[in-house]
Protein backbone atom coordinates (compact mmCIF):
# COMPACT_ATOMS: atom_id res chain seq x y z
CA UNK A 1 0.00 0.00 0.00
CA UNK A 2 1.32 3.41 -0.97
CA UNK A 3 0.96 6.23 1.52
CA UNK A 4 0.33 9.57 -0.12
CA UNK A 5 2.02 12.70 1.19
CA UNK A 6 -0.03 15.50 2.68
CA UNK A 7 0.64 17.54 -0.43
CA UNK A 8 -0.57 14.77 -2.75
CA UNK A 9 -3.75 14.31 -0.71
CA UNK A 10 -4.50 18.05 -0.71
CA UNK A 11 -3.88 18.24 -4.46
CA UNK A 12 -6.14 15.26 -5.12
CA UNK A 13 -8.88 16.86 -3.04
CA UNK A 14 -8.52 20.13 -4.94
CA UNK A 15 -8.51 18.29 -8.26
CA UNK A 16 -11.79 16.56 -7.39
CA UNK A 17 -13.33 19.79 -6.13
CA UNK A 18 -12.33 21.78 -9.21
CA UNK A 19 -12.74 18.95 -11.74
CA UNK A 20 -9.18 19.50 -12.96
CA UNK A 21 -6.30 17.10 -13.50
CA UNK A 22 -4.07 16.89 -10.42
CA UNK A 23 -1.03 17.38 -12.68
CA UNK A 24 -2.13 20.99 -13.28
CA UNK A 25 -2.07 21.78 -9.57
CA UNK A 26 1.46 22.71 -8.58
CA UNK A 27 2.45 23.78 -5.04
CA UNK A 28 2.95 27.45 -5.90
CA UNK A 29 -0.38 27.86 -7.71
CA UNK A 30 -2.39 30.74 -6.25
CA UNK A 31 -5.74 29.47 -5.00
CA UNK A 32 -7.75 32.63 -5.73
CA UNK A 33 -5.99 34.15 -8.73
CA UNK A 34 -5.07 31.05 -10.70
CA UNK A 35 -7.72 28.57 -9.58
CA UNK A 36 -10.58 30.99 -8.98
CA UNK A 37 -11.32 29.74 -5.47
CA UNK A 38 -13.62 32.19 -3.72
CA UNK A 39 -14.81 32.30 -0.11
CA UNK A 40 -17.61 29.80 -0.74
CA UNK A 41 -15.20 27.37 -2.43
CA UNK A 42 -12.80 27.87 0.46
CA UNK A 43 -15.46 26.74 2.95
CA UNK A 44 -15.98 23.58 0.91
CA UNK A 45 -12.25 23.03 0.73
CA UNK A 46 -11.85 23.45 4.49
CA UNK A 47 -14.65 20.98 5.09
CA UNK A 48 -13.11 18.49 2.67
CA UNK A 49 -9.66 18.82 4.24
CA UNK A 50 -11.01 18.41 7.76
CA UNK A 51 -12.79 15.25 6.68
CA UNK A 52 -9.86 13.87 4.65
CA UNK A 53 -7.34 14.38 7.45
CA UNK A 54 -9.69 13.93 10.42
CA UNK A 55 -8.74 17.30 11.87
CA UNK A 56 -10.33 20.58 12.86
CA UNK A 57 -8.62 23.85 12.02
CA UNK A 58 -8.24 26.03 15.11
CA UNK A 59 -9.85 29.42 15.54
CA UNK A 60 -12.41 31.22 13.47
CA UNK A 61 -11.04 30.40 10.03
CA UNK A 62 -8.82 33.45 9.78
CA UNK A 63 -5.74 31.25 9.28
CA UNK A 64 -7.32 29.58 6.25
CA UNK A 65 -8.37 32.96 4.84
CA UNK A 66 -4.69 34.02 4.80
CA UNK A 67 -3.58 31.02 2.74
CA UNK A 68 -2.65 32.00 -0.81
CA UNK A 69 -1.03 28.92 -2.38
CA UNK A 70 -1.33 25.15 -2.30
CA UNK A 71 2.08 25.05 -0.55
CA UNK A 72 0.79 27.32 2.23
CA UNK A 73 -2.36 25.22 2.56
CA UNK A 74 -0.30 22.04 2.89
CA UNK A 75 1.89 23.71 5.54
CA UNK A 76 -1.21 24.72 7.51
CA UNK A 77 -2.60 21.18 7.33
CA UNK A 78 0.73 19.76 8.55
CA UNK A 79 0.98 22.31 11.38
CA UNK A 80 -2.57 21.54 12.47
CA UNK A 81 -1.93 17.79 12.40
CA UNK A 82 1.27 18.24 14.42
CA UNK A 83 -0.62 20.24 17.04
CA UNK A 84 -3.27 17.58 17.61
């Protein structure tokens, strides 16, 4: 069994959500500018990530709102997992 990295899992989730090939989603892609993710999409993404990784992001969502790239999103997921 192959264990996917956090980055690969986040990219797969984004690919499903956006109906895009995962190969198009590189770590430095800007979520809003390049992928068109708005605040409503971000809520869906947060929900999907929390379910995929069995975690809950701390606070009121302001940390997620500051995330600009896939790389930053992955780092936030890893930090949250490490803090649980």
